[in-house]
Amino acid sequence: MHKLMRTIKSVVIIGCLVSSAANAEVGPKVAVMAFLLNDMTNLPNAPEELKRIDLLSTKFHESLKSKGINVVPEGAKVKSEIEKHSPTYLYDNVETAIELNKNTGADYLVIGVALKPTYLFVYPRLIIVDVKNKSVVMSKSAQLESSWTDENTTIRTAEKLAQVVKERVDALHAAAEQ
């Protein structure tokens, strides 16, 4: 009988621990919009450059998720709104970006733009927007100097930007819980 009681007690304790872990907060929700190419060269939107920016966006998303960021899909109307405007539209119009993503439940938005002012460089830029406060809480940029064929540089840049975002979101989340 004593052994049965210990077994039942152990099962109850394990059940409580599993339940607590399942209900534990996974962190703030972050809607992450793909980097959009803002190509200002005389030969804009070269297929190779679009491919590189797509790789940057994909690896950025993957890296955020692998770092434990609770990434939620962007709002359903984001893509159609961007098609009506310039690649920098949501980057420059934070309140519109918030409105387009209100149904995602996101606590933060990450909005990226890849600025290409010359043939030699691409500058991925991003901002983190605090949805509740409707304010930009971080702005970061990087510089890609490599050729289109150097995927490793693009991937490393995506990973570095993801790490910066992770650190900032974690710090914001920790401050909000105090």
Protein backbone atom coordinates (compact mmCIF):
# COMPACT_ATOMS: atom_id res chain seq x y z
CA MET A 1 0.00 0.00 0.00
CA HIS A 2 2.85 2.36 0.90
CA LYS A 3 4.50 1.69 -2.49
CA LEU A 4 1.20 2.43 -4.29
CA MET A 5 0.89 5.77 -2.48
CA ARG A 6 4.44 6.75 -3.47
CA THR A 7 3.68 5.84 -7.08
CA ILE A 8 0.49 7.90 -7.08
CA LYS A 9 2.30 10.83 -5.46
CA SER A 10 5.07 10.60 -8.09
CA VAL A 11 2.53 10.53 -10.93
CA VAL A 12 0.74 13.59 -9.50
CA ILE A 13 4.02 15.51 -9.14
CA ILE A 14 5.13 14.61 -12.66
CA GLY A 15 1.69 15.59 -13.99
CA CYS A 16 1.93 18.97 -12.29
CA LEU A 17 5.42 19.55 -13.68
CA VAL A 18 4.34 18.61 -17.21
CA SER A 19 1.28 20.83 -16.93
CA SER A 20 3.38 23.75 -15.70
CA ALA A 21 5.85 23.29 -18.53
CA ALA A 22 3.06 23.10 -21.09
CA ASN A 23 1.49 26.28 -19.73
CA ALA A 24 4.76 28.15 -19.37
CA GLU A 25 4.96 31.31 -21.40
CA VAL A 26 6.98 30.87 -24.57
CA GLY A 27 7.83 34.52 -24.75
CA PRO A 28 6.39 37.43 -26.63
CA LYS A 29 4.88 36.93 -30.05
CA VAL A 30 6.90 38.47 -32.86
CA ALA A 31 5.53 39.02 -36.35
CA VAL A 32 8.47 39.03 -38.74
CA MET A 33 8.08 40.49 -42.21
CA ALA A 34 10.44 39.43 -44.97
CA PHE A 35 13.20 41.76 -46.08
CA LEU A 36 12.08 43.69 -49.15
CA LEU A 37 14.59 44.84 -51.72
CA ASN A 38 14.73 48.59 -52.24
CA ASP A 39 16.98 48.59 -55.30
CA MET A 40 17.97 52.09 -56.37
CA THR A 41 20.42 51.07 -59.11
CA ASN A 42 19.93 51.59 -62.85
CA LEU A 43 19.22 47.86 -63.26
CA PRO A 44 16.84 47.26 -60.35
CA ASN A 45 15.67 43.94 -59.01
CA ALA A 46 18.14 41.65 -60.73
CA PRO A 47 16.99 38.04 -60.29
CA GLU A 48 20.24 37.16 -58.50
CA GLU A 49 19.73 39.98 -56.01
CA LEU A 50 16.12 39.01 -55.40
CA LYS A 51 17.31 35.45 -54.75
CA ARG A 52 19.89 36.71 -52.25
CA ILE A 53 17.31 38.79 -50.39
CA ASP A 54 14.95 35.83 -50.31
CA LEU A 55 17.77 33.73 -48.82
CA LEU A 56 18.44 36.48 -46.27
CA SER A 57 14.76 36.53 -45.24
CA THR A 58 14.44 32.76 -45.08
CA LYS A 59 17.59 32.27 -43.00
CA PHE A 60 16.65 35.20 -40.75
CA HIS A 61 13.26 33.59 -40.00
CA GLU A 62 14.85 30.18 -39.45
CA SER A 63 17.51 31.60 -37.16
CA LEU A 64 14.96 33.50 -35.06
CA LYS A 65 12.93 30.33 -34.59
CA SER A 66 16.01 28.26 -33.75
CA LYS A 67 16.93 30.86 -31.11
CA GLY A 68 13.55 30.41 -29.44
CA ILE A 69 11.76 33.50 -30.71
CA ASN A 70 7.99 32.94 -30.83
CA VAL A 71 7.56 33.93 -34.49
CA VAL A 72 3.97 34.36 -35.67
CA PRO A 73 2.88 34.77 -39.30
CA GLU A 74 2.55 38.32 -40.56
CA GLY A 75 -0.90 39.75 -41.13
CA ALA A 76 -2.91 38.46 -44.08
CA LYS A 77 -3.06 41.88 -45.76
CA VAL A 78 0.64 42.76 -45.49
CA LYS A 79 1.71 41.46 -48.91
CA SER A 80 -1.15 43.12 -50.80
CA GLU A 81 -0.49 46.43 -49.06
CA ILE A 82 3.21 46.28 -49.90
CA GLU A 83 2.39 45.62 -53.56
CA LYS A 84 0.50 48.94 -53.65
CA HIS A 85 3.44 50.91 -52.29
CA SER A 86 7.24 50.99 -52.17
CA PRO A 87 9.38 48.33 -50.46
CA THR A 88 10.01 50.78 -47.60
CA TYR A 89 6.34 51.62 -47.03
CA LEU A 90 5.80 49.64 -43.82
CA TYR A 91 9.32 50.39 -42.58
CA ASP A 92 8.46 54.09 -42.89
CA ASN A 93 4.83 53.78 -41.71
CA VAL A 94 4.92 51.93 -38.42
CA GLU A 95 1.30 52.61 -37.47
CA THR A 96 0.11 51.08 -40.76
CA ALA A 97 2.30 48.03 -40.11
CA ILE A 98 0.77 47.69 -36.64
CA GLU A 99 -2.74 47.94 -38.06
CA LEU A 100 -2.03 45.32 -40.74
CA ASN A 101 -0.73 42.94 -38.08
CA LYS A 102 -3.27 43.56 -35.31
CA ASN A 103 -4.95 40.16 -35.78
CA THR A 104 -1.67 38.27 -35.30
CA GLY A 105 -1.55 38.92 -31.57
CA ALA A 106 2.05 40.04 -31.97
CA ASP A 107 3.73 41.95 -29.18
CA TYR A 108 6.48 43.09 -31.54
CA LEU A 109 6.91 43.54 -35.27
CA VAL A 110 10.19 43.12 -37.10
CA ILE A 111 10.19 45.04 -40.36
CA GLY A 112 13.09 44.61 -42.76
CA VAL A 113 14.27 46.41 -45.88
CA ALA A 114 17.35 45.64 -47.96
CA LEU A 115 18.61 48.94 -49.34
CA LYS A 116 20.72 48.67 -52.49
CA PRO A 117 22.05 52.13 -53.39
CA THR A 118 24.89 50.81 -55.61
CA TYR A 119 25.89 47.63 -57.40
CA LEU A 120 28.54 46.93 -54.77
CA PHE A 121 26.59 46.92 -51.50
CA VAL A 122 23.30 45.89 -49.97
CA TYR A 123 22.31 47.21 -46.56
CA PRO A 124 19.78 45.02 -44.77
CA ARG A 125 18.02 47.26 -42.25
CA LEU A 126 15.43 46.29 -39.70
CA ILE A 127 13.39 47.81 -36.95
CA ILE A 128 11.61 46.26 -34.01
CA VAL A 129 8.27 47.88 -33.20
CA ASP A 130 6.60 47.58 -29.82
CA VAL A 131 2.97 47.08 -30.83
CA LYS A 132 1.48 48.15 -27.50
CA ASN A 133 3.46 51.40 -27.32
CA LYS A 134 3.43 51.94 -31.10
CA SER A 135 7.09 52.81 -31.06
CA VAL A 136 10.34 51.69 -32.63
CA VAL A 137 12.42 50.05 -29.90
CA MET A 138 15.41 49.09 -32.02
CA SER A 139 16.94 49.92 -35.37
CA LYS A 140 19.77 47.85 -36.82
CA SER A 141 21.57 47.57 -40.13
CA ALA A 142 24.26 45.44 -41.69
CA GLN A 143 26.35 45.64 -44.85
CA LEU A 144 26.58 42.92 -47.49
CA GLU A 145 29.55 43.41 -49.78
CA SER A 146 29.85 39.92 -51.15
CA SER A 147 28.86 38.72 -54.57
CA TRP A 148 25.52 37.07 -55.22
CA THR A 149 27.21 33.70 -55.34
CA ASP A 150 28.58 33.94 -51.77
CA GLU A 151 25.62 32.49 -49.88
CA ASN A 152 27.64 32.01 -46.69
CA THR A 153 28.01 35.75 -46.15
CA THR A 154 24.27 36.24 -46.61
CA ILE A 155 23.50 33.41 -44.18
CA ARG A 156 25.95 34.73 -41.57
CA THR A 157 24.41 38.20 -41.87
CA ALA A 158 20.94 36.75 -41.32
CA GLU A 159 22.15 34.85 -38.26
CA LYS A 160 23.87 37.92 -36.79
CA LEU A 161 20.75 40.06 -37.27
CA ALA A 162 18.63 37.33 -35.70
CA GLN A 163 20.92 37.24 -32.65
CA VAL A 164 20.60 41.01 -32.22
CA VAL A 165 16.80 40.75 -32.45
CA LYS A 166 16.75 37.87 -29.95
CA GLU A 167 18.82 39.81 -27.43
CA ARG A 168 16.62 42.90 -27.74
CA VAL A 169 13.31 41.01 -27.57
CA ASP A 170 14.55 39.05 -24.53
CA ALA A 171 15.59 42.28 -22.80
CA LEU A 172 12.26 43.95 -23.58
CA HIS A 173 10.36 40.91 -22.35
CA ALA A 174 12.38 40.73 -19.13
CA ALA A 175 11.82 44.44 -18.45
CA ALA A 176 8.08 44.09 -19.09
CA GLU A 177 7.81 41.26 -16.56
CA GLN A 178 9.37 43.33 -13.75
